[in-house]
Amino acid sequence: MKFQFFTSDSAQTRAAGKVLAAELLKTKSGKKAFVLGLVGDLGSGKTTFLQGFARGLGLKDKILSPTFIIMRRVNNFYHLDCYRIQKPQEMISLGFEKIITDPKNIIAVEWADLIRKIMPADTIWVEFEFLSEKKRKIVIR
């Protein structure tokens, strides 16, 4: 799966997240958790993208960045933020390995490059790049 989006506002970034959620719902096998690894500079649209992604999954809860609490859970959707993580072991101590093995779970990890060593091999990577003050490039691999 590879998608590329160019967005110029938050509504377009959320819409890109909804597209990925729709694809996920078509392809999710139920044999393992679905894991997204989001990578990009501060303010590049990661949380905004996940707001659209969550809506695309049918979640109604407000999606906020868990920067200071590390992890938020809404039903079987886990939203993790590794910005403040010093080493991957910290995520393991929070139960990361158990969360990613439950096939009912969908996990989105912001700043996933900081824990790349423990991310599953089949992680879907979402890369955010600033092209200008308002324009972003989002690549999903």
Protein backbone atom coordinates (compact mmCIF):
# COMPACT_ATOMS: atom_id res chain seq x y z
CA MET A 1 0.00 0.00 0.00
CA LYS A 2 1.40 3.39 -0.97
CA PHE A 3 -0.46 6.68 -1.00
CA GLN A 4 0.74 10.23 -1.36
CA PHE A 5 -1.21 13.36 -0.43
CA PHE A 6 -0.52 17.06 -0.70
CA THR A 7 -2.54 19.11 1.77
CA SER A 8 -2.85 22.83 2.32
CA ASP A 9 -5.10 22.95 5.38
CA SER A 10 -6.17 20.87 8.36
CA ALA A 11 -9.42 19.72 6.69
CA GLN A 12 -7.43 18.17 3.84
CA THR A 13 -5.04 16.54 6.31
CA ARG A 14 -7.97 15.02 8.23
CA ALA A 15 -9.47 13.84 4.92
CA ALA A 16 -6.21 12.01 4.11
CA GLY A 17 -6.51 10.24 7.48
CA LYS A 18 -10.06 9.16 6.62
CA VAL A 19 -8.81 7.67 3.34
CA LEU A 20 -6.29 5.52 5.18
CA ALA A 21 -8.93 4.40 7.69
CA ALA A 22 -11.22 3.34 4.83
CA GLU A 23 -8.39 1.30 3.29
CA LEU A 24 -7.61 -0.27 6.65
CA LEU A 25 -11.22 -1.31 7.20
CA LYS A 26 -11.22 -2.99 3.76
CA THR A 27 -8.00 -4.93 4.38
CA LYS A 28 -7.82 -5.63 8.13
CA SER A 29 -7.56 -9.39 8.49
CA GLY A 30 -8.19 -9.75 12.21
CA LYS A 31 -5.04 -11.86 12.62
CA LYS A 32 -2.89 -9.13 14.13
CA ALA A 33 -3.04 -5.53 15.28
CA PHE A 34 -2.78 -2.78 12.71
CA VAL A 35 0.09 -0.41 13.53
CA LEU A 36 0.75 3.04 12.08
CA GLY A 37 4.07 4.76 12.62
CA LEU A 38 3.87 8.51 12.10
CA VAL A 39 7.05 10.48 11.44
CA GLY A 40 7.52 14.20 10.87
CA ASP A 41 8.55 17.47 12.40
CA LEU A 42 6.65 19.16 15.20
CA GLY A 43 3.49 20.75 13.77
CA SER A 44 3.61 18.81 10.51
CA GLY A 45 0.07 17.39 10.87
CA LYS A 46 0.42 14.04 12.64
CA THR A 47 -2.32 14.59 15.23
CA THR A 48 -4.59 16.32 12.71
CA PHE A 49 -4.19 13.32 10.38
CA LEU A 50 -5.11 10.99 13.24
CA GLN A 51 -8.24 13.02 13.97
CA GLY A 52 -9.45 12.20 10.46
CA PHE A 53 -8.23 8.61 10.76
CA ALA A 54 -10.25 8.12 13.96
CA ARG A 55 -13.37 9.59 12.32
CA GLY A 56 -12.84 7.22 9.41
CA LEU A 57 -12.85 4.35 11.91
CA GLY A 58 -16.20 5.61 13.20
CA LEU A 59 -14.90 7.02 16.49
CA LYS A 60 -16.73 10.06 17.81
CA ASP A 61 -14.34 10.95 20.68
CA LYS A 62 -12.15 14.02 20.35
CA ILE A 63 -8.61 13.00 19.42
CA LEU A 64 -5.95 15.01 21.25
CA SER A 65 -2.21 14.54 21.24
CA PRO A 66 -1.09 12.37 24.17
CA THR A 67 2.32 14.10 24.34
CA PHE A 68 2.29 14.49 28.11
CA ILE A 69 0.49 11.26 29.02
CA ILE A 70 2.14 9.12 26.29
CA MET A 71 -0.95 7.01 25.50
CA ARG A 72 -4.69 7.47 25.02
CA ARG A 73 -7.14 4.69 24.31
CA VAL A 74 -10.59 4.93 22.71
CA ASN A 75 -12.16 1.48 22.44
CA ASN A 76 -9.52 -0.57 20.56
CA PHE A 77 -7.79 2.48 19.08
CA TYR A 78 -4.53 3.35 20.82
CA HIS A 79 -2.88 6.71 20.17
CA LEU A 80 0.70 6.90 21.44
CA ASP A 81 3.14 9.79 21.35
CA CYS A 82 6.84 9.02 21.77
CA TYR A 83 8.06 12.64 21.67
CA ARG A 84 9.12 12.48 25.32
CA ILE A 85 10.43 8.90 25.22
CA GLN A 86 14.15 8.58 25.89
CA LYS A 87 14.53 4.93 24.85
CA PRO A 88 12.28 2.19 23.40
CA GLN A 89 12.32 0.25 26.69
CA GLU A 90 10.02 2.90 28.18
CA MET A 91 7.28 1.90 25.71
CA ILE A 92 7.77 -1.77 26.52
CA SER A 93 7.23 -0.99 30.20
CA LEU A 94 3.89 0.62 29.23
CA GLY A 95 2.70 -2.66 27.69
CA PHE A 96 3.45 -1.82 24.04
CA GLU A 97 4.29 -5.41 23.10
CA LYS A 98 0.97 -6.69 24.45
CA ILE A 99 -1.01 -3.94 22.74
CA ILE A 100 0.51 -4.63 19.30
CA THR A 101 -0.21 -8.36 19.48
CA ASP A 102 -3.98 -8.08 20.05
CA PRO A 103 -5.67 -8.42 16.62
CA LYS A 104 -8.59 -6.22 17.73
CA ASN A 105 -6.31 -3.23 18.23
CA ILE A 106 -5.44 -0.37 15.92
CA ILE A 107 -2.38 1.52 17.11
CA ALA A 108 -1.08 4.89 15.92
CA VAL A 109 2.35 5.95 17.16
CA GLU A 110 3.48 9.54 16.72
CA TRP A 111 7.26 10.05 16.67
CA ALA A 112 7.55 6.33 15.89
CA ASP A 113 11.07 6.81 14.54
CA LEU A 114 12.19 7.15 18.18
CA ILE A 115 11.14 3.54 18.86
CA ARG A 116 11.76 2.11 15.38
CA LYS A 117 13.64 -0.86 16.92
CA ILE A 118 10.48 -2.20 18.57
CA MET A 119 7.94 -1.31 15.88
CA PRO A 120 6.48 -4.36 14.10
CA ALA A 121 7.97 -5.25 10.72
CA ASP A 122 4.62 -4.70 9.00
CA THR A 123 4.10 -1.18 10.39
CA ILE A 124 2.46 1.21 7.94
CA TRP A 125 4.70 4.28 7.95
CA VAL A 126 3.15 7.72 7.47
CA GLU A 127 5.71 10.44 6.75
CA PHE A 128 4.89 14.14 7.01
CA GLU A 129 6.96 16.78 5.26
CA PHE A 130 6.67 20.59 5.24
CA LEU A 131 6.71 21.90 1.67
CA SER A 132 5.84 25.45 2.66
CA GLU A 133 4.18 27.24 5.57
CA LYS A 134 0.76 25.80 4.67
CA LYS A 135 1.51 22.92 2.30
CA ARG A 136 2.33 19.40 3.51
CA LYS A 137 3.29 16.21 1.77
CA ILE A 138 2.06 13.00 3.39
CA VAL A 139 3.43 9.67 2.19
CA ILE A 140 1.97 6.38 3.39
CA ARG A 141 4.09 3.25 2.87
